[in-house]
Amino acid sequence: MLGYIVRRLLSTIPVLGVVALIVFLLLHFAPGDPAAIMAGDSATPAQLAEIRQRLGLDKPVFVQFFYWLDQLRQGNFGTSLHSNKPVAEMIAARVGPTLSLAVTTMTFSILVAIPLGVYAAWARGRLSDRLVMTLAVLGFSTPVFVTGYMLIYLLSLKAGWFPVQGFASLASDPIRFARTITLPTLALSTVYIALIARISRSSVLEILGEDFIRTARAKGVPERSVFLRHALRNAAVPIITVIGSGAAFLIGGVVVAESVFNIPGLGRLVVESVLARDYPLIQSLILLLSVIYIGINLVIDLLYTLFDPRIRY
């Protein structure tokens, strides 16, 4: 087990290296000149040359890349071209709201989607099964911003139950945190719930057709135990897989949800940095989100061994 964990951890190193290279080259060859953005429209050629020299933009691309990697190793993510603040400080100030939204969304989605999927498998072919799957298709097909604006209209403007926009941290005001995080969580959860529920249903149905399930029923094992102890446990690997792969939807949805609900998180910061062509900030944000996604998939791979000890790579 320990050897497997070490091998999986070591395997992420080249992946991170490739991601860093792609992020660097993607923005390096993107249109726009960071020096011109910093200097403004009235800058002289001499001023532009001085800024390029200070930023190291006059050096060969491979030299710039390894210098950038060395700075990342030291925890230096650079300075924002737009605000002239350290990128690390800007990200640290925004990570709290995004982390809160991601945790509440994943927790709520898993707690709702897996029971829904198991119930739909138990009620296969019935009206309730078709209703759950219809809602799952609608949830998966509806964009996050559409769901968000519908929730704002119904639950904020009409009912007045929740604030339209804003965010409060859990530490500062738990009640206001619950009120401000509810609508973004619901909007962001619709796609995630639909995805997990559909896979949970199909995985459980597949396991229910196995011989050991028929044997358990023949021995008189209660139907509840058949579903929870036998079917769900053996269907856990595909469900865990879709939870991890769905993190990509979650990362993309956070950007939209934070923009709709005016949450000062990393998603809003991504939009602001792109509009301002703030290259150091964009690089750091893309790299950070990529590392988070790789980390989630690493955790998912490690969880496989808990539910199916036969899995070893």
Protein backbone atom coordinates (compact mmCIF):
# COMPACT_ATOMS: atom_id res chain seq x y z
CA MET A 1 0.00 0.00 0.00
CA LEU A 2 2.75 2.44 0.97
CA GLY A 3 4.71 1.62 -2.17
CA TYR A 4 1.63 2.27 -4.31
CA ILE A 5 1.09 5.66 -2.65
CA VAL A 6 4.74 6.62 -3.19
CA ARG A 7 4.58 5.59 -6.86
CA ARG A 8 1.40 7.61 -7.40
CA LEU A 9 2.94 10.66 -5.73
CA LEU A 10 6.09 10.38 -7.84
CA SER A 11 4.03 9.99 -11.02
CA THR A 12 2.48 13.43 -10.49
CA ILE A 13 5.86 15.17 -10.77
CA PRO A 14 6.25 14.82 -14.57
CA VAL A 15 2.56 15.67 -15.00
CA LEU A 16 3.05 18.90 -13.07
CA GLY A 17 6.13 19.66 -15.16
CA VAL A 18 4.20 19.25 -18.41
CA VAL A 19 1.33 21.38 -17.08
CA ALA A 20 3.74 24.12 -16.06
CA LEU A 21 5.36 24.07 -19.52
CA ILE A 22 1.99 24.28 -21.29
CA VAL A 23 0.82 27.14 -19.08
CA PHE A 24 4.05 29.05 -19.65
CA LEU A 25 4.06 28.59 -23.44
CA LEU A 26 0.33 29.25 -23.76
CA LEU A 27 0.61 32.70 -22.25
CA HIS A 28 4.07 33.44 -23.61
CA PHE A 29 2.82 33.20 -27.20
CA ALA A 30 -0.55 34.81 -26.47
CA PRO A 31 -1.22 38.18 -28.15
CA GLY A 32 -0.26 41.24 -26.13
CA ASP A 33 2.94 42.61 -24.64
CA PRO A 34 3.27 42.58 -20.84
CA ALA A 35 5.80 45.41 -21.03
CA ALA A 36 3.40 47.57 -23.04
CA ILE A 37 0.59 46.82 -20.58
CA MET A 38 2.75 47.92 -17.62
CA ALA A 39 4.16 51.02 -19.34
CA GLY A 40 0.93 52.29 -20.87
CA ASP A 41 0.17 53.72 -24.29
CA SER A 42 2.52 56.69 -23.95
CA ALA A 43 5.64 54.62 -23.24
CA THR A 44 8.76 55.21 -25.30
CA PRO A 45 10.77 52.36 -26.89
CA ALA A 46 13.49 52.91 -24.30
CA GLN A 47 11.00 52.49 -21.45
CA LEU A 48 9.62 49.32 -23.03
CA ALA A 49 13.12 47.91 -23.42
CA GLU A 50 13.90 48.69 -19.77
CA ILE A 51 10.74 46.94 -18.57
CA ARG A 52 11.44 43.90 -20.76
CA GLN A 53 14.92 43.68 -19.34
CA ARG A 54 13.63 43.98 -15.77
CA LEU A 55 11.03 41.26 -16.36
CA GLY A 56 13.52 39.05 -18.19
CA LEU A 57 11.46 39.13 -21.40
CA ASP A 58 14.58 39.84 -23.47
CA LYS A 59 16.07 36.42 -22.61
CA PRO A 60 15.49 33.19 -24.59
CA VAL A 61 12.22 31.38 -23.90
CA PHE A 62 13.82 28.36 -22.22
CA VAL A 63 15.80 30.65 -19.89
CA GLN A 64 12.60 32.46 -18.95
CA PHE A 65 10.85 29.13 -18.30
CA PHE A 66 13.49 27.76 -15.94
CA TYR A 67 13.76 31.11 -14.19
CA TRP A 68 9.98 31.05 -13.69
CA LEU A 69 10.14 27.50 -12.31
CA ASP A 70 12.90 28.53 -9.91
CA GLN A 71 10.81 31.44 -8.69
CA LEU A 72 7.84 29.13 -8.16
CA ARG A 73 10.05 26.77 -6.16
CA GLN A 74 10.90 29.67 -3.86
CA GLY A 75 7.24 30.59 -3.46
CA ASN A 76 7.56 33.70 -5.60
CA PHE A 77 4.63 33.85 -8.01
CA GLY A 78 5.58 37.23 -9.38
CA THR A 79 3.93 40.65 -9.23
CA SER A 80 0.63 41.61 -10.78
CA LEU A 81 1.01 43.83 -13.85
CA HIS A 82 -2.28 45.55 -13.12
CA SER A 83 -2.24 46.18 -9.35
CA ASN A 84 1.53 45.87 -8.74
CA LYS A 85 0.80 43.59 -5.77
CA PRO A 86 2.42 40.20 -5.12
CA VAL A 87 0.44 37.49 -6.89
CA ALA A 88 0.67 35.17 -3.88
CA GLU A 89 -1.03 37.76 -1.66
CA MET A 90 -3.82 38.31 -4.18
CA ILE A 91 -4.49 34.59 -4.45
CA ALA A 92 -4.34 34.07 -0.68
CA ALA A 93 -6.95 36.82 -0.20
CA ARG A 94 -9.35 35.11 -2.61
CA VAL A 95 -8.88 31.42 -1.85
CA GLY A 96 -11.23 31.35 1.20
CA PRO A 97 -14.53 32.00 -0.63
CA THR A 98 -13.66 29.59 -3.43
CA LEU A 99 -12.65 26.85 -1.00
CA SER A 100 -15.88 27.34 0.95
CA LEU A 101 -18.00 27.14 -2.19
CA ALA A 102 -16.15 24.07 -3.50
CA VAL A 103 -16.44 22.18 -0.18
CA THR A 104 -20.14 22.93 0.30
CA THR A 105 -20.89 22.03 -3.32
CA MET A 106 -19.03 18.72 -3.25
CA THR A 107 -20.47 17.74 0.15
CA PHE A 108 -24.05 18.63 -0.77
CA SER A 109 -23.78 16.99 -4.19
CA ILE A 110 -22.42 13.71 -2.86
CA LEU A 111 -24.97 13.53 -0.02
CA VAL A 112 -27.86 14.10 -2.44
CA ALA A 113 -26.70 12.41 -5.65
CA ILE A 114 -25.64 8.97 -4.36
CA PRO A 115 -28.93 8.27 -2.48
CA LEU A 116 -30.84 9.52 -5.54
CA GLY A 117 -28.90 7.22 -7.84
CA VAL A 118 -29.32 4.21 -5.53
CA TYR A 119 -33.03 4.93 -5.16
CA ALA A 120 -33.43 5.22 -8.94
CA ALA A 121 -31.70 1.85 -9.33
CA TRP A 122 -33.99 0.29 -6.71
CA ALA A 123 -37.07 1.77 -8.45
CA ARG A 124 -35.88 0.85 -11.94
CA GLY A 125 -38.59 1.29 -14.56
CA ARG A 126 -41.01 3.00 -12.20
CA LEU A 127 -42.28 6.54 -12.44
CA SER A 128 -39.96 7.73 -9.65
CA ASP A 129 -36.94 6.33 -11.53
CA ARG A 130 -37.92 8.15 -14.72
CA LEU A 131 -38.54 11.34 -12.73
CA VAL A 132 -35.09 11.22 -11.11
CA MET A 133 -33.38 10.60 -14.45
CA THR A 134 -35.38 13.39 -16.14
CA LEU A 135 -34.30 15.82 -13.43
CA ALA A 136 -30.72 14.60 -13.83
CA VAL A 137 -30.80 15.28 -17.58
CA LEU A 138 -32.25 18.75 -17.00
CA GLY A 139 -29.68 19.51 -14.33
CA PHE A 140 -26.80 18.39 -16.50
CA SER A 141 -28.08 20.32 -19.53
CA THR A 142 -28.80 23.64 -17.82
CA PRO A 143 -25.83 26.05 -17.61
CA VAL A 144 -24.78 27.18 -14.15
CA PHE A 145 -25.47 30.85 -14.88
CA VAL A 146 -29.07 30.05 -15.98
CA THR A 147 -29.71 28.08 -12.80
CA GLY A 148 -28.10 30.84 -10.76
CA TYR A 149 -30.24 33.62 -12.19
CA MET A 150 -33.39 31.49 -11.77
CA LEU A 151 -32.56 30.91 -8.11
CA ILE A 152 -31.88 34.62 -7.61
CA TYR A 153 -35.21 35.53 -9.18
CA LEU A 154 -37.26 32.93 -7.27
CA LEU A 155 -35.59 32.76 -3.86
CA SER A 156 -34.04 36.23 -3.56
CA LEU A 157 -36.15 38.74 -5.48
CA LYS A 158 -39.53 37.01 -5.11
CA ALA A 159 -39.30 35.11 -1.81
CA GLY A 160 -36.64 37.29 -0.16
CA TRP A 161 -35.09 34.32 1.62
CA PHE A 162 -31.50 34.86 0.53
CA PRO A 163 -29.35 37.84 -0.45
CA VAL A 164 -28.88 38.39 -4.17
CA GLN A 165 -25.09 38.70 -4.05
CA GLY A 166 -22.16 38.86 -1.67
CA PHE A 167 -20.24 36.59 0.64
CA ALA A 168 -19.43 36.36 4.35
CA SER A 169 -16.85 33.99 5.80
CA LEU A 170 -17.84 31.25 8.24
CA ALA A 171 -15.55 32.64 10.93
CA SER A 172 -16.90 36.19 10.77
CA ASP A 173 -20.65 35.47 10.60
CA PRO A 174 -21.86 31.83 10.41
CA ILE A 175 -25.49 32.79 9.79
CA ARG A 176 -24.70 35.19 6.97
CA PHE A 177 -22.25 32.63 5.58
CA ALA A 178 -25.05 30.06 5.37
CA ARG A 179 -27.37 32.57 3.67
CA THR A 180 -24.81 33.77 1.12
CA ILE A 181 -23.39 30.34 0.27
CA THR A 182 -26.73 28.54 -0.22
CA LEU A 183 -27.73 29.83 -3.65
CA PRO A 184 -24.26 29.49 -5.24
CA THR A 185 -24.03 25.97 -3.84
CA LEU A 186 -27.44 25.02 -5.23
CA ALA A 187 -26.63 26.52 -8.63
CA LEU A 188 -23.25 24.83 -8.85
CA SER A 189 -24.54 21.50 -7.49
CA THR A 190 -27.14 20.88 -10.21
CA VAL A 191 -24.62 19.68 -12.80
CA TYR A 192 -22.59 17.75 -10.24
CA ILE A 193 -25.63 16.02 -8.72
CA ALA A 194 -26.93 15.04 -12.14
CA LEU A 195 -23.59 13.55 -13.15
CA ILE A 196 -23.06 11.55 -9.96
CA ALA A 197 -26.69 10.36 -9.75
CA ARG A 198 -26.68 8.97 -13.29
CA ILE A 199 -23.42 7.09 -12.79
CA SER A 200 -24.55 5.83 -9.37
CA ARG A 201 -27.73 4.43 -10.87
CA SER A 202 -26.02 2.67 -13.77
CA SER A 203 -23.22 1.31 -11.56
CA VAL A 204 -25.60 -0.09 -8.96
CA LEU A 205 -27.81 -1.63 -11.66
CA GLU A 206 -24.78 -3.34 -13.16
CA ILE A 207 -23.74 -4.78 -9.80
CA LEU A 208 -27.30 -5.94 -9.04
CA GLY A 209 -27.05 -8.31 -11.99
CA GLU A 210 -24.01 -10.11 -10.56
CA ASP A 211 -24.15 -13.65 -9.16
CA PHE A 212 -23.09 -12.71 -5.63
CA ILE A 213 -26.12 -10.39 -5.34
CA ARG A 214 -28.47 -13.24 -6.30
CA THR A 215 -26.68 -15.45 -3.77
CA ALA A 216 -27.12 -12.86 -1.02
CA ARG A 217 -30.82 -12.56 -1.78
CA ALA A 218 -31.17 -16.35 -1.86
CA LYS A 219 -29.64 -16.51 1.62
CA GLY A 220 -32.31 -14.14 2.89
CA VAL A 221 -30.15 -11.03 3.29
CA PRO A 222 -32.45 -8.00 3.76
CA GLU A 223 -32.86 -5.88 0.64
CA ARG A 224 -31.49 -2.84 2.43
CA SER A 225 -28.26 -4.68 3.21
CA VAL A 226 -28.10 -5.97 -0.37
CA PHE A 227 -28.11 -2.40 -1.65
CA LEU A 228 -25.92 -0.73 0.97
CA ARG A 229 -23.40 -3.40 1.94
CA HIS A 230 -23.05 -5.32 -1.30
CA ALA A 231 -24.24 -3.34 -4.33
CA LEU A 232 -23.18 0.16 -3.32
CA ARG A 233 -19.77 -0.88 -2.01
CA ASN A 234 -18.91 -2.77 -5.20
CA ALA A 235 -20.24 0.09 -7.34
CA ALA A 236 -18.11 2.61 -5.46
CA VAL A 237 -15.16 2.67 -7.90
CA PRO A 238 -17.11 4.11 -10.88
CA ILE A 239 -18.88 6.55 -8.54
CA ILE A 240 -15.59 7.74 -7.06
CA THR A 241 -14.19 8.09 -10.57
CA VAL A 242 -16.99 10.38 -11.70
CA ILE A 243 -16.68 12.43 -8.52
CA GLY A 244 -13.03 13.06 -9.35
CA SER A 245 -13.55 13.70 -13.06
CA GLY A 246 -16.47 15.97 -12.21
CA ALA A 247 -14.03 18.22 -10.40
CA ALA A 248 -13.27 19.73 -13.82
CA PHE A 249 -16.92 20.79 -14.09
CA LEU A 250 -16.69 22.13 -10.55
CA ILE A 251 -13.60 24.25 -11.27
CA GLY A 252 -15.17 25.71 -14.39
CA GLY A 253 -18.49 26.24 -12.65
CA VAL A 254 -16.86 28.13 -9.78
CA VAL A 255 -15.75 30.84 -12.22
CA VAL A 256 -19.33 31.27 -13.46
CA ALA A 257 -20.99 31.02 -10.04
CA GLU A 258 -18.67 33.57 -8.45
CA SER A 259 -19.35 35.99 -11.29
CA VAL A 260 -23.13 35.56 -11.03
CA PHE A 261 -23.27 35.89 -7.24
CA ASN A 262 -20.46 38.46 -6.95
CA ILE A 263 -18.31 36.26 -4.71
CA PRO A 264 -14.74 37.57 -4.32
CA GLY A 265 -13.02 34.25 -4.97
CA LEU A 266 -10.51 32.76 -7.37
CA GLY A 267 -13.12 32.48 -10.11
CA ARG A 268 -13.72 36.22 -10.12
CA LEU A 269 -9.97 36.76 -9.97
CA VAL A 270 -9.52 34.60 -13.09
CA VAL A 271 -12.02 36.73 -15.01
CA GLU A 272 -10.46 39.98 -13.81
CA SER A 273 -6.92 38.86 -14.64
CA VAL A 274 -7.92 37.74 -18.16
CA LEU A 275 -9.70 41.02 -18.89
CA ALA A 276 -6.66 42.95 -17.64
CA ARG A 277 -4.18 40.64 -19.44
CA ASP A 278 -2.33 40.27 -16.18
CA TYR A 279 0.01 37.49 -17.33
CA PRO A 280 1.78 36.63 -14.02
CA LEU A 281 -1.59 36.38 -12.28
CA ILE A 282 -3.15 34.31 -15.08
CA GLN A 283 -0.18 31.92 -15.10
CA SER A 284 -0.33 31.40 -11.35
CA LEU A 285 -4.11 30.90 -11.31
CA ILE A 286 -4.12 28.38 -14.14
CA LEU A 287 -1.23 26.50 -12.56
CA LEU A 288 -2.95 26.51 -9.16
CA LEU A 289 -6.25 25.22 -10.56
CA SER A 290 -4.37 22.55 -12.51
CA VAL A 291 -2.54 21.43 -9.38
CA ILE A 292 -5.86 21.25 -7.50
CA TYR A 293 -7.37 19.11 -10.25
CA ILE A 294 -4.35 16.79 -10.32
CA GLY A 295 -4.45 16.55 -6.53
CA ILE A 296 -8.14 15.60 -6.54
CA ASN A 297 -7.53 12.86 -9.08
CA LEU A 298 -4.58 11.62 -7.01
CA VAL A 299 -6.81 11.34 -3.95
CA ILE A 300 -9.42 9.51 -6.04
CA ASP A 301 -6.81 7.01 -7.23
CA LEU A 302 -5.74 6.38 -3.64
CA LEU A 303 -9.36 5.89 -2.55
CA TYR A 304 -9.73 3.09 -5.10
CA THR A 305 -7.58 0.84 -2.94
CA LEU A 306 -9.89 1.32 0.05
CA PHE A 307 -12.97 0.12 -1.83
CA ASP A 308 -11.27 -2.46 -4.04
CA PRO A 309 -8.01 -3.87 -2.60
CA ARG A 310 -7.41 -5.72 -5.90
CA ILE A 311 -6.52 -2.42 -7.57
CA ARG A 312 -2.76 -2.00 -7.73
CA TYR A 313 -0.86 -0.34 -10.53
